[in-house]
Every structure is written in structure tokens, then in C-alpha cells.
Amino acid sequence: MDFFAPVLDGFGTVLDPMNLLFCLLGVVVGMLIGVLPGLGPAATIAILLPMTYGVEPVTAIIMLAGIFYGAQYGGTITSVLLRLPGEASSVVTVFDGYVMAKQGRAGTALGIAAIGSFAGATISIIGLTFLAPLVASFALDFGPPEYTALAMLGILLVATISGGSRIKAIIAAAVGLFLATMGRDGFTGVERFTFGNLSLADGIDFVPIAMGLFGVGEILYNLEERHRASAEPVKVSKVWPSGKEIKQATPAMARGSILGFFLGILPGGGATIASLASYGVEKKTAKDPSRFGKGAIEGVAGPETANNAAATSSFIPLLTLGIPANATMAIIFGALLIQGVTPGPQLINDDPELFWGVVNSMYVGNILLLLMSIPLVGVFIRILRIRAAILAPITALITMLGAYTIRNSMFDVLMVVIFGAIGYLMKKFGFEPGPMVLAFVLGSLLESNLRRSLLVLNGDLGGFVDRPITAVLLVVFVVVALWPIIKSAVDRRKKAPATSDNEMDKEKV
């Protein structure tokens, strides 16, 4: 009963009228952002950060969490009806969802996606409820050496697992680490990389970086990309799938829930990787893989379940270890710090109202999303017809006003503009801003804990290996770092015998 008492109290927190209102606001905004191609939950949360200053921490985080998992629902609508993914994690849904829509099964595709999303999120929330306290109790044994190794592993995983070029991701992460060192040294008080600018003496604030890279940068990039005419949406007739179709999709939903839950926990993982992995698993386990890409219902059910499960489980490392698993979690991490809340193993005991309030708000939020996902399709399709040339300036204005209200400083506005230009150029040349933001967030954690560790261990690096948890994390770090080299060597060995066999066959001929 000691375990369930704070969990039940968390429902009381969610059902507070103000928290319930912000939960509804978050999921509706999330669905809207999911429908609008390109903007994404990370950019939206970054833009809305200044709005959270005037409300209670639990209320603010409930809204921001709702935006994150609500976007997973919204992205499905345009993937199915317009062949235009509103969110990166919905790209895979296009393969079979749009084909189903062209076959007159748009309602079935949307219905199975909504059911799968709800199932995946609910299973993941249950896992979060029971697993998060265990992770937090285990993490109480963490000291500065353990956090040093964990931060190193997190940065490496983000740089090596994230989509796109590995080299570009490592470069972006290195820039993020450099930015984290700017400002006054917390141990000695010496100013570093400030170039004599007093405004940089306290370092670069997280909010202008997030608002610039994900807000202004995304707006500029999407204005350039969305010049093509939008397709006419497919009409939705039958809304819900039949019992036979639900039965056919159930195994895919079960596999997607488990896969998404575990991939969401990993740093560098998240909804996009989970949806791609789920589609691959469904295609490999199917009796007839040729059906995929031609309207297979499992090709919608699996990925949609997986991306929502991953979106929810990514809160586990954030709330229990203070380690954000992806770019959106990094921005929510920044929001918690702004509110004076430090995520980590002590959060469950020190602030159970916030922890269980946020976790239980996901139950309520996903029920609201399930009830709204189909009825609001027509509204979202109309919103899609608003030209980007109208939406972009309004969004940019809100971003700049929000940046100014942080400290009533034009320097913050200037930083948003600078990082907006950097974000645009990064997207233009194939650099993802996610690794940079995550490295920036984890950089200060890495530096402070490394220096504390060296003080505790009297400068003896061998002391890291003497601690069991640190030793295991460092071994994982080395394996992840060397894995690409090992994999390429194994691939070359496999190709060598095949090549020699072909040459022998030619000689015989």
C-alpha cells in the first residue's frame, strides 16, 4: 500500500481543474503540431517555454508532456490522408497507411492507428509506473563517478545511434559540449570563452539555444521546403476497423508496445527509431512480407504503437536519472530546471506530487487523445490549407516575444536569432540539432561530475574502474564506441569469401 498511496495521490493532482485544463491544452496543441509538417514537438515546446514561467511546475510539465505524446497521434492523420508525415516518427505509417486510404480504408487506418497508439502508450505508462521507482532506487547508489560515465555514454549513444551521418552527429555533439563550457567556471570562478562579453559571463542559457535551433531554425528550413503544392486529402468514410482487422493487428500492437518501450529508454532512441524498428520486425515476422507497402494493416498498427510507447518510456531516464533520452526530453529537462525542479533519483521522494502527477496525466491525456483523434480529423485538414507564408511569421513573432520575456533582455533575442541561423544551416547541410542540444545539456553534468570524481578519487583515474557500476558503464561505452569498427571488419570478412568463391567459379568457366 505504501507504493500505491502516492500513485493514487497523483490522480488527485491530475484531476485538479487547472492541471486537467493544461493537460487538454497540451494534447490538443500536440495533435495540431503533429498535423503541421515540419515543426515538431521539440520546436513547439521550445517556443512555449516562456509560457510555463507563470504556472506551477507540475502544471507546466503536464502540458509539455501532453504536447510530446499528442504529436505522435497528430502526425498519423496527414501520413494516412495526404502522404505527408506531420512528425518524423510517422514517416513509416505512410508506406501502408496512405495505400489503405487510396483503397477506401482511410477510416480503418486512422482507427487502428488510434487504437494502437492508445494501447502502446497505456502499456508503456504501466511500465513507467512500476519500473521508474526501481530505476530511481538503483540510481541512489550513483555518485559523481557513475554520473560521469552515464553522461559520457549518453552523449556517445546520441551521437552514434541518431539518424543521419554519424560523423555529422559527433561534430554537432562536440559543438554542444563546447557551448556548455562557455561562461564562468563553477569551481574556480574563471571566465571561459566569453570574449570579454559580460552577457556571456554566466554562460549561454538553454532556452535561447532551444528556441533558436528548434524554433527559428525549423521555421526557416520549412519555409524553404514547403513550396510544393499540398495534395487533396483522401475522404474518410468508415471510421473504426472491424473486429477481424483488430484481431489481425493485435500481435503487431503487442510487439510494438514492448519494442517501443525499451527503445524509448535508450539515449538516442525514441519514437522515430522505434517506429522504424517495429516496421522492420513486422515485415520479417509476417507470413507474406510482400503485403507490406500494399496496405498491410500491421504496417500501420506496429509502428504507431511503437512510437507512442517510446514517447512515454523516454520519461524514465529523464525523471529517474536526470538523463534526457532525446532532443524533446532535453527541452523538457530544461523546463524542469527553469521551474527549480532537478530530475534525478530523489525526485520521486522529494516531489512525489510532480512525479506521479506527470506520470498519471499520461493516462488521462491518452484517453482524451483517443476520444478526439477521429472526430477532429476534419478540423486538422482545414488547418493544413493555411499557407506556410502566414503561419511562419506568426510563429517567429511569438518566439521572439517569448525570448525577450525570459529576462527582458535583447541579448537573449539576439542569441535566438544567431542560433536560429545556425539551426537553419545545420538542417540545410544535414546536421541534426538534437545531438548538439543533448550534448549541451549533458555537458555541464559531465564536467561537474568528472571534476568532483577527480577530487573524491584524489586524481586517480583507476578509481573509476574500482566502482562496479562505473566499470560496467565504461565497458558499455567502449563497446558502443568500437562497435562500428567491429561491424565493418565483420562485414568485410563476410564479403571476402563470397568474392573469392565468385572468382573461383569464373576460373572454372
Protein backbone atom coordinates (compact mmCIF):
# COMPACT_ATOMS: atom_id res chain seq x y z
CA MET A 1 0.00 0.00 0.00
CA ASP A 2 2.96 2.33 0.60
CA PHE A 3 3.72 2.17 -3.12
CA PHE A 4 0.16 2.80 -4.32
CA ALA A 5 -0.62 5.71 -1.97
CA PRO A 6 1.47 8.33 -3.84
CA VAL A 7 0.36 6.86 -7.19
CA LEU A 8 -3.31 7.38 -6.26
CA ASP A 9 -2.48 10.86 -4.91
CA GLY A 10 -1.04 11.60 -8.36
CA PHE A 11 -4.50 11.10 -9.88
CA GLY A 12 -5.80 13.69 -7.44
CA THR A 13 -3.14 16.09 -8.77
CA VAL A 14 -4.12 15.45 -12.40
CA LEU A 15 -7.83 15.89 -11.74
CA ASP A 16 -7.24 19.37 -10.32
CA PRO A 17 -9.21 21.63 -12.76
CA MET A 18 -6.13 23.71 -13.70
CA ASN A 19 -3.94 20.65 -14.34
CA LEU A 20 -6.73 18.95 -16.28
CA LEU A 21 -7.16 22.06 -18.44
CA PHE A 22 -3.43 22.24 -19.21
CA CYS A 23 -3.38 18.51 -19.97
CA LEU A 24 -6.18 19.03 -22.50
CA LEU A 25 -4.41 22.11 -23.91
CA GLY A 26 -1.15 20.16 -24.26
CA VAL A 27 -2.63 17.19 -26.14
CA VAL A 28 -4.68 19.43 -28.47
CA VAL A 29 -1.61 21.58 -29.28
CA GLY A 30 0.40 18.35 -29.70
CA MET A 31 -2.10 16.94 -32.19
CA LEU A 32 -2.12 20.23 -34.08
CA ILE A 33 1.69 20.31 -34.23
CA GLY A 34 1.75 16.68 -35.34
CA VAL A 35 -0.56 17.58 -38.22
CA LEU A 36 1.54 20.56 -39.36
CA PRO A 37 4.50 19.03 -41.23
CA GLY A 38 7.97 20.03 -40.08
CA LEU A 39 7.50 21.96 -36.83
CA GLY A 40 7.54 19.02 -34.41
CA PRO A 41 7.12 18.76 -30.61
CA ALA A 42 10.71 19.82 -29.80
CA ALA A 43 10.30 23.14 -31.64
CA THR A 44 6.84 23.75 -30.14
CA ILE A 45 7.96 23.05 -26.57
CA ALA A 46 10.98 25.30 -27.08
CA ILE A 47 8.74 28.14 -28.33
CA LEU A 48 6.26 27.70 -25.46
CA LEU A 49 8.87 27.52 -22.66
CA PRO A 50 8.37 31.18 -21.60
CA MET A 51 4.63 30.50 -21.16
CA THR A 52 5.40 27.99 -18.39
CA TYR A 53 7.04 30.54 -16.07
CA GLY A 54 3.80 31.78 -14.55
CA VAL A 55 2.29 28.37 -13.64
CA GLU A 56 3.10 25.65 -11.12
CA PRO A 57 5.89 23.22 -12.14
CA VAL A 58 3.58 20.18 -12.24
CA THR A 59 1.06 22.07 -14.41
CA ALA A 60 3.77 23.20 -16.83
CA ILE A 61 5.32 19.75 -17.25
CA ILE A 62 1.88 18.10 -17.69
CA MET A 63 1.23 20.48 -20.60
CA LEU A 64 4.67 19.97 -22.19
CA ALA A 65 4.40 16.17 -21.86
CA GLY A 66 0.94 16.33 -23.49
CA ILE A 67 2.42 18.20 -26.47
CA PHE A 68 5.08 15.49 -26.87
CA TYR A 69 2.86 12.40 -26.93
CA GLY A 70 -0.03 14.27 -28.59
CA ALA A 71 2.19 14.99 -31.60
CA GLN A 72 2.57 11.25 -32.19
CA TYR A 73 -1.22 10.99 -32.75
CA GLY A 74 -1.45 14.08 -34.99
CA GLY A 75 1.35 13.02 -37.32
CA THR A 76 -0.65 9.93 -38.32
CA ILE A 77 -3.52 11.93 -39.84
CA THR A 78 -1.51 13.59 -42.62
CA SER A 79 0.58 10.43 -43.18
CA VAL A 80 -2.59 8.46 -43.98
CA LEU A 81 -4.65 11.11 -45.78
CA LEU A 82 -2.02 13.22 -47.55
CA ARG A 83 1.09 11.00 -47.72
CA LEU A 84 2.77 13.82 -45.81
CA PRO A 85 4.24 12.85 -42.39
CA GLY A 86 3.47 15.55 -39.84
CA GLU A 87 6.05 14.12 -37.44
CA ALA A 88 9.30 12.19 -38.08
CA SER A 89 8.00 9.15 -36.20
CA SER A 90 5.03 8.95 -38.61
CA VAL A 91 7.14 8.54 -41.76
CA VAL A 92 6.79 4.74 -41.69
CA THR A 93 3.00 5.00 -41.44
CA VAL A 94 2.97 6.47 -44.96
CA PHE A 95 4.10 3.16 -46.50
CA ASP A 96 0.88 1.26 -45.79
CA GLY A 97 -1.44 3.91 -44.30
CA TYR A 98 -1.68 6.01 -47.47
CA VAL A 99 -2.17 2.90 -49.62
CA MET A 100 -5.02 1.83 -47.34
CA ALA A 101 -6.57 5.30 -47.75
CA LYS A 102 -6.35 5.02 -51.56
CA GLN A 103 -8.11 1.65 -51.26
CA GLY A 104 -11.00 3.35 -49.43
CA ARG A 105 -9.81 2.18 -45.98
CA ALA A 106 -8.67 5.57 -44.62
CA GLY A 107 -11.00 5.30 -41.61
CA THR A 108 -9.69 1.81 -40.85
CA ALA A 109 -6.08 3.04 -40.99
CA LEU A 110 -6.81 6.02 -38.73
CA GLY A 111 -8.87 3.90 -36.35
CA ILE A 112 -6.24 1.17 -35.98
CA ALA A 113 -3.55 3.84 -35.55
CA ALA A 114 -5.58 5.50 -32.77
CA ILE A 115 -6.20 2.17 -31.00
CA GLY A 116 -2.55 1.13 -31.40
CA SER A 117 -1.32 4.49 -30.16
CA PHE A 118 -3.55 4.27 -27.10
CA ALA A 119 -2.54 0.64 -26.40
CA GLY A 120 1.18 1.34 -26.79
CA ALA A 121 1.06 4.45 -24.62
CA THR A 122 -1.03 2.76 -21.91
CA ILE A 123 1.24 -0.31 -21.69
CA SER A 124 4.27 2.00 -21.58
CA ILE A 125 2.71 4.13 -18.80
CA ILE A 126 2.08 0.99 -16.73
CA GLY A 127 5.72 0.02 -17.29
CA LEU A 128 6.79 3.54 -16.33
CA THR A 129 4.71 3.37 -13.12
CA PHE A 130 6.38 0.17 -11.90
CA LEU A 131 9.85 0.46 -13.42
CA ALA A 132 10.66 4.12 -12.66
CA PRO A 133 10.75 3.67 -8.84
CA LEU A 134 13.07 0.64 -9.27
CA VAL A 135 15.42 2.64 -11.52
CA ALA A 136 15.35 5.54 -9.05
CA SER A 137 16.17 3.29 -6.07
CA PHE A 138 19.03 1.73 -8.04
CA ALA A 139 20.25 5.20 -9.05
CA LEU A 140 20.52 6.25 -5.40
CA ASP A 141 23.83 4.32 -5.42
CA PHE A 142 25.11 6.70 -8.11
CA GLY A 143 27.89 9.10 -7.13
CA PRO A 144 29.89 11.56 -9.25
CA PRO A 145 31.90 8.75 -11.00
CA GLU A 146 28.70 6.91 -12.01
CA TYR A 147 27.09 10.09 -13.34
CA THR A 148 30.29 10.89 -15.26
CA ALA A 149 30.22 7.50 -17.00
CA LEU A 150 26.46 7.74 -17.61
CA ALA A 151 26.76 11.22 -19.16
CA MET A 152 29.63 10.04 -21.40
CA LEU A 153 27.56 7.04 -22.52
CA GLY A 154 24.50 9.20 -23.16
CA ILE A 155 26.42 11.65 -25.36
CA LEU A 156 28.08 8.80 -27.29
CA LEU A 157 24.79 6.95 -27.85
CA VAL A 158 23.10 10.11 -29.10
CA ALA A 159 25.99 10.78 -31.50
CA THR A 160 26.15 7.21 -32.83
CA ILE A 161 22.53 5.99 -32.79
CA SER A 162 20.75 9.15 -34.01
CA GLY A 163 19.59 9.25 -37.64
CA GLY A 164 21.75 10.70 -40.40
CA SER A 165 25.53 10.80 -40.74
CA ARG A 166 27.43 9.55 -37.68
CA ILE A 167 30.32 11.95 -38.32
CA LYS A 168 27.95 14.93 -38.52
CA ALA A 169 26.21 13.86 -35.31
CA ILE A 170 29.58 13.62 -33.50
CA ILE A 171 30.57 17.09 -34.77
CA ALA A 172 27.22 18.53 -33.57
CA ALA A 173 27.68 16.87 -30.15
CA ALA A 174 31.22 18.29 -29.90
CA VAL A 175 29.89 21.81 -30.59
CA GLY A 176 27.25 21.27 -27.88
CA LEU A 177 29.96 20.26 -25.39
CA PHE A 178 31.97 23.37 -26.29
CA LEU A 179 28.95 25.64 -25.74
CA ALA A 180 28.41 24.01 -22.31
CA THR A 181 31.90 25.17 -21.22
CA MET A 182 31.26 28.86 -22.01
CA GLY A 183 30.90 31.20 -19.05
CA ARG A 184 32.24 31.31 -15.52
CA ASP A 185 33.90 28.16 -14.18
CA GLY A 186 31.77 26.85 -11.30
CA PHE A 187 34.82 25.60 -9.37
CA THR A 188 37.40 28.40 -9.86
CA GLY A 189 35.29 31.39 -11.00
CA VAL A 190 37.50 31.91 -14.08
CA GLU A 191 35.67 33.14 -17.20
CA ARG A 192 35.98 30.86 -20.23
CA PHE A 193 35.31 31.64 -23.92
CA THR A 194 33.37 34.82 -23.08
CA PHE A 195 35.47 37.02 -25.42
CA GLY A 196 35.17 39.86 -22.91
CA ASN A 197 31.35 39.92 -23.20
CA LEU A 198 29.68 40.37 -19.79
CA SER A 199 26.43 38.86 -21.09
CA LEU A 200 28.27 35.55 -21.62
CA ALA A 201 29.84 35.53 -18.14
CA ASP A 202 27.08 33.28 -16.76
CA GLY A 203 27.20 31.06 -19.84
CA ILE A 204 24.63 30.61 -22.59
CA ASP A 205 21.12 29.98 -21.33
CA PHE A 206 19.43 26.79 -22.51
CA VAL A 207 16.18 28.47 -23.61
CA PRO A 208 17.63 30.74 -26.38
CA ILE A 209 19.55 27.75 -27.79
CA ALA A 210 16.42 25.57 -27.85
CA MET A 211 14.18 28.33 -29.22
CA GLY A 212 16.75 29.24 -31.88
CA LEU A 213 17.70 25.77 -33.11
CA PHE A 214 14.27 24.18 -32.93
CA GLY A 215 12.05 27.24 -33.32
CA VAL A 216 13.51 29.79 -35.73
CA GLY A 217 15.77 27.22 -37.44
CA GLU A 218 12.86 24.87 -38.18
CA ILE A 219 10.65 27.75 -39.37
CA LEU A 220 13.28 28.96 -41.86
CA TYR A 221 14.00 25.44 -43.12
CA ASN A 222 10.33 24.50 -43.50
CA LEU A 223 9.54 27.73 -45.38
CA GLU A 224 12.07 26.64 -47.95
CA GLU A 225 10.86 23.03 -48.08
CA ARG A 226 7.10 23.60 -48.18
CA HIS A 227 6.98 25.25 -51.58
CA ARG A 228 5.32 22.23 -53.20
CA ALA A 229 1.52 22.20 -53.53
CA SER A 230 -0.27 20.06 -50.98
CA ALA A 231 -2.24 17.07 -52.20
CA GLU A 232 -6.00 16.85 -51.86
CA PRO A 233 -6.78 14.80 -48.73
CA VAL A 234 -8.44 11.40 -49.13
CA LYS A 235 -12.03 11.23 -47.88
CA VAL A 236 -12.70 9.29 -44.66
CA SER A 237 -15.75 7.05 -44.77
CA LYS A 238 -15.76 4.11 -42.36
CA VAL A 239 -14.17 5.27 -39.12
CA TRP A 240 -13.40 2.24 -36.95
CA PRO A 241 -11.81 -1.08 -38.00
CA SER A 242 -13.77 -4.32 -37.83
CA GLY A 243 -13.23 -6.98 -35.17
CA LYS A 244 -11.35 -9.13 -37.68
CA GLU A 245 -8.97 -6.28 -38.50
CA ILE A 246 -8.37 -5.53 -34.81
CA LYS A 247 -7.61 -9.23 -34.21
CA GLN A 248 -5.19 -9.22 -37.16
CA ALA A 249 -3.39 -6.11 -35.81
CA THR A 250 -3.24 -7.17 -32.13
CA PRO A 251 0.05 -9.18 -32.34
CA ALA A 252 1.71 -6.21 -34.11
CA MET A 253 0.49 -3.88 -31.36
CA ALA A 254 1.86 -6.21 -28.65
CA ARG A 255 5.29 -6.41 -30.33
CA GLY A 256 5.30 -2.66 -31.00
CA SER A 257 4.49 -1.87 -27.34
CA ILE A 258 7.40 -3.94 -25.98
CA LEU A 259 9.88 -2.80 -28.63
CA GLY A 260 8.89 0.87 -28.30
CA PHE A 261 9.05 0.77 -24.51
CA PHE A 262 12.67 -0.44 -24.42
CA LEU A 263 13.89 1.69 -27.34
CA GLY A 264 12.38 4.79 -25.74
CA ILE A 265 14.50 4.29 -22.62
CA LEU A 266 17.79 4.25 -24.57
CA PRO A 267 19.61 7.58 -25.04
CA GLY A 268 19.47 8.42 -28.75
CA GLY A 269 16.45 6.17 -29.21
CA GLY A 270 12.90 7.46 -29.20
CA ALA A 271 9.72 7.39 -31.26
CA THR A 272 11.31 7.61 -34.73
CA ILE A 273 13.74 4.73 -34.27
CA ALA A 274 11.02 2.69 -32.51
CA SER A 275 8.59 3.07 -35.43
CA LEU A 276 11.27 2.11 -37.98
CA ALA A 277 12.36 -0.91 -35.92
CA SER A 278 8.76 -2.03 -35.44
CA TYR A 279 8.05 -1.89 -39.19
CA GLY A 280 11.16 -3.98 -39.83
CA VAL A 281 10.14 -6.55 -37.21
CA GLU A 282 6.59 -6.84 -38.61
CA LYS A 283 7.89 -7.33 -42.14
CA LYS A 284 10.32 -10.05 -41.03
CA THR A 285 7.78 -11.95 -38.88
CA ALA A 286 4.96 -11.76 -41.47
CA LYS A 287 4.00 -14.94 -43.36
CA ASP A 288 3.71 -12.86 -46.54
CA PRO A 289 6.14 -9.89 -46.43
CA SER A 290 5.09 -8.83 -49.94
CA ARG A 291 1.84 -7.40 -48.46
CA PHE A 292 3.82 -4.59 -46.82
CA GLY A 293 3.74 -1.40 -48.82
CA LYS A 294 0.44 -2.52 -50.35
CA GLY A 295 -1.91 -1.75 -47.47
CA ALA A 296 -0.92 -4.21 -44.71
CA ILE A 297 -2.73 -3.25 -41.52
CA GLU A 298 0.24 -4.49 -39.41
CA GLY A 299 2.39 -1.87 -41.17
CA VAL A 300 0.25 0.81 -39.51
CA ALA A 301 -0.52 -0.89 -36.17
CA GLY A 302 3.08 -1.83 -35.24
CA PRO A 303 4.86 1.48 -35.88
CA GLU A 304 2.05 3.61 -34.43
CA THR A 305 2.01 1.51 -31.26
CA ALA A 306 5.82 1.60 -31.01
CA ASN A 307 6.23 5.36 -31.43
CA ASN A 308 3.71 6.15 -28.68
CA ALA A 309 5.22 3.55 -26.33
CA ALA A 310 8.68 5.06 -26.92
CA ALA A 311 7.44 8.63 -26.42
CA THR A 312 6.15 7.63 -22.98
CA SER A 313 9.05 5.44 -21.81
CA SER A 314 11.60 8.15 -22.67
CA PHE A 315 10.41 9.88 -19.48
CA ILE A 316 12.03 7.09 -17.38
CA PRO A 317 15.69 8.14 -17.80
CA LEU A 318 14.69 11.82 -17.63
CA LEU A 319 12.75 11.69 -14.36
CA THR A 320 14.76 8.98 -12.55
CA LEU A 321 18.35 9.61 -13.71
CA GLY A 322 18.21 13.20 -14.93
CA ILE A 323 19.40 11.99 -18.37
CA PRO A 324 17.29 13.11 -21.38
CA ALA A 325 16.93 10.33 -23.96
CA ASN A 326 16.23 12.58 -26.97
CA ALA A 327 16.03 16.23 -28.05
CA THR A 328 12.47 16.78 -26.83
CA MET A 329 13.34 15.30 -23.45
CA ALA A 330 16.33 17.67 -23.30
CA ILE A 331 13.99 20.63 -23.69
CA ILE A 332 11.61 19.28 -21.01
CA PHE A 333 14.71 18.76 -18.82
CA GLY A 334 15.49 22.46 -19.33
CA ALA A 335 11.90 23.35 -18.45
CA LEU A 336 12.16 21.40 -15.17
CA LEU A 337 15.40 23.19 -14.26
CA ILE A 338 13.80 26.56 -15.06
CA GLN A 339 10.98 25.65 -12.67
CA GLY A 340 13.50 24.86 -9.93
CA VAL A 341 12.99 21.08 -10.18
CA THR A 342 16.06 18.83 -10.55
CA PRO A 343 15.22 15.49 -12.23
CA GLY A 344 17.01 12.51 -10.70
CA PRO A 345 16.72 9.62 -8.22
CA GLN A 346 15.48 11.87 -5.41
CA LEU A 347 12.57 13.32 -7.42
CA ILE A 348 10.12 10.52 -6.50
CA ASN A 349 10.73 11.05 -2.77
CA ASP A 350 11.32 14.83 -2.76
CA ASP A 351 8.47 15.82 -5.08
CA PRO A 352 6.03 12.88 -5.44
CA GLU A 353 3.19 15.24 -6.39
CA LEU A 354 5.07 16.36 -9.52
CA PHE A 355 6.42 12.91 -10.42
CA TRP A 356 3.16 10.98 -10.11
CA GLY A 357 1.11 13.92 -11.36
CA VAL A 358 3.06 13.93 -14.64
CA VAL A 359 3.00 10.12 -14.97
CA ASN A 360 -0.73 9.83 -14.27
CA SER A 361 -1.53 12.77 -16.56
CA MET A 362 -0.45 10.50 -19.41
CA TYR A 363 -3.30 8.08 -18.63
CA VAL A 364 -5.80 10.95 -18.81
CA GLY A 365 -4.12 12.57 -21.82
CA ASN A 366 -4.16 9.39 -23.88
CA ILE A 367 -7.86 8.82 -23.14
CA LEU A 368 -8.54 12.39 -24.34
CA LEU A 369 -6.48 11.75 -27.48
CA LEU A 370 -8.34 8.53 -28.25
CA LEU A 371 -11.68 10.32 -27.92
CA MET A 372 -10.58 13.29 -30.06
CA SER A 373 -8.34 11.71 -32.70
CA ILE A 374 -11.06 10.74 -35.22
CA PRO A 375 -13.71 13.50 -34.64
CA LEU A 376 -11.12 16.27 -35.12
CA VAL A 377 -9.75 14.95 -38.43
CA GLY A 378 -11.85 17.41 -40.46
CA VAL A 379 -10.66 20.39 -38.38
CA PHE A 380 -7.00 19.48 -38.83
CA ILE A 381 -7.40 19.01 -42.57
CA ARG A 382 -8.76 22.58 -42.82
CA ILE A 383 -5.80 23.89 -40.80
CA LEU A 384 -3.46 22.24 -43.30
CA ARG A 385 -4.83 24.53 -46.00
CA ILE A 386 -3.43 27.63 -44.22
CA ARG A 387 -0.38 28.78 -46.15
CA ALA A 388 3.05 28.46 -44.51
CA ALA A 389 3.75 32.08 -45.50
CA ILE A 390 1.04 33.12 -43.00
CA LEU A 391 1.82 30.67 -40.19
CA ALA A 392 5.63 31.15 -40.21
CA PRO A 393 5.76 34.92 -39.41
CA ILE A 394 3.22 34.50 -36.58
CA THR A 395 5.25 31.64 -35.07
CA ALA A 396 8.51 33.62 -35.43
CA LEU A 397 6.94 36.66 -33.71
CA ILE A 398 5.73 34.52 -30.79
CA THR A 399 9.22 33.02 -30.50
CA MET A 400 10.94 36.43 -30.35
CA LEU A 401 8.44 37.81 -27.83
CA GLY A 402 8.92 34.70 -25.70
CA ALA A 403 12.71 35.05 -25.84
CA TYR A 404 12.52 38.69 -24.72
CA THR A 405 10.19 37.98 -21.78
CA ILE A 406 12.65 35.48 -20.24
CA ARG A 407 14.88 38.23 -18.76
CA ASN A 408 13.62 41.32 -20.65
CA SER A 409 16.94 41.19 -22.50
CA MET A 410 17.63 41.94 -26.15
CA PHE A 411 20.76 39.81 -25.82
CA ASP A 412 18.52 36.73 -25.47
CA VAL A 413 16.64 37.75 -28.63
CA LEU A 414 19.97 38.14 -30.44
CA MET A 415 21.03 34.66 -29.26
CA VAL A 416 17.77 33.19 -30.57
CA VAL A 417 18.40 34.80 -33.97
CA ILE A 418 22.02 33.55 -34.06
CA PHE A 419 21.08 30.00 -33.09
CA GLY A 420 18.12 30.15 -35.49
CA ALA A 421 20.56 30.84 -38.33
CA ILE A 422 22.83 28.05 -37.06
CA GLY A 423 19.85 25.67 -36.84
CA TYR A 424 18.79 26.50 -40.41
CA LEU A 425 22.33 25.91 -41.74
CA MET A 426 22.59 22.66 -39.78
CA LYS A 427 19.37 21.32 -41.31
CA LYS A 428 20.43 22.59 -44.73
CA PHE A 429 23.73 20.69 -44.63
CA GLY A 430 22.40 17.53 -43.00
CA PHE A 431 23.35 18.17 -39.35
CA GLU A 432 20.66 17.21 -36.82
CA PRO A 433 20.34 19.76 -33.95
CA GLY A 434 19.31 17.01 -31.48
CA PRO A 435 22.84 15.74 -30.65
CA MET A 436 24.02 19.33 -30.16
CA VAL A 437 21.25 20.18 -27.67
CA LEU A 438 21.64 16.89 -25.79
CA ALA A 439 25.42 17.31 -25.56
CA PHE A 440 24.90 20.87 -24.29
CA VAL A 441 22.52 19.65 -21.57
CA LEU A 442 24.71 16.69 -20.60
CA GLY A 443 27.96 18.68 -20.95
CA SER A 444 27.61 20.59 -17.68
CA LEU A 445 26.56 17.35 -15.93
CA LEU A 446 29.64 15.59 -17.35
CA GLU A 447 32.09 18.36 -16.44
CA SER A 448 30.88 18.96 -12.89
CA ASN A 449 30.72 15.25 -12.02
CA LEU A 450 34.08 14.47 -13.63
CA ARG A 451 35.78 17.18 -11.59
CA ARG A 452 34.01 16.08 -8.40
CA SER A 453 35.08 12.49 -9.12
CA LEU A 454 38.71 13.52 -9.52
CA LEU A 455 38.52 15.39 -6.21
CA VAL A 456 36.96 12.38 -4.44
CA LEU A 457 39.43 9.94 -6.02
CA ASN A 458 42.43 12.27 -5.49
CA GLY A 459 43.08 12.39 -9.22
CA ASP A 460 43.35 8.59 -9.56
CA LEU A 461 41.59 7.55 -12.80
CA GLY A 462 41.88 3.91 -11.76
CA GLY A 463 39.28 4.62 -9.08
CA PHE A 464 36.59 4.71 -11.79
CA VAL A 465 37.22 1.04 -12.62
CA ASP A 466 37.14 0.01 -8.95
CA ARG A 467 33.47 1.02 -8.69
CA PRO A 468 31.25 -1.79 -10.16
CA ILE A 469 28.50 0.39 -11.70
CA THR A 470 31.03 2.81 -13.22
CA ALA A 471 33.10 -0.08 -14.59
CA VAL A 472 30.04 -1.62 -16.30
CA LEU A 473 29.02 1.73 -17.82
CA LEU A 474 32.58 2.31 -19.10
CA VAL A 475 32.66 -1.17 -20.66
CA VAL A 476 29.36 -0.39 -22.45
CA PHE A 477 30.85 2.95 -23.53
CA VAL A 478 33.89 1.22 -25.08
CA VAL A 479 31.70 -1.40 -26.83
CA VAL A 480 29.43 1.30 -28.31
CA ALA A 481 32.46 3.35 -29.41
CA LEU A 482 34.18 0.36 -31.08
CA TRP A 483 31.03 -1.30 -32.47
CA PRO A 484 31.07 0.50 -35.87
CA ILE A 485 34.72 -0.58 -36.42
CA ILE A 486 33.96 -4.19 -35.36
CA LYS A 487 30.84 -4.31 -37.56
CA SER A 488 32.66 -3.01 -40.66
CA ALA A 489 35.50 -5.55 -40.10
CA VAL A 490 32.97 -8.42 -39.82
CA ASP A 491 31.17 -7.23 -42.96
CA ARG A 492 34.46 -7.13 -44.89
CA ARG A 493 35.25 -10.69 -43.77
CA LYS A 494 31.85 -11.90 -44.94
CA LYS A 495 32.30 -10.25 -48.34
CA ALA A 496 35.83 -11.66 -48.82
CA PRO A 497 34.83 -15.38 -49.03
CA ALA A 498 31.90 -14.53 -51.32
CA THR A 499 34.24 -12.62 -53.66
CA SER A 500 36.81 -15.43 -53.71
CA ASP A 501 34.07 -18.00 -54.45
CA ASN A 502 32.87 -15.92 -57.41
CA GLU A 503 36.42 -15.67 -58.76
CA MET A 504 36.88 -19.47 -58.49
CA ASP A 505 33.62 -20.01 -60.36
CA LYS A 506 34.81 -17.71 -63.15
CA GLU A 507 38.13 -19.60 -63.40
CA LYS A 508 36.28 -22.92 -63.75
CA VAL A 509 34.18 -21.49 -66.56
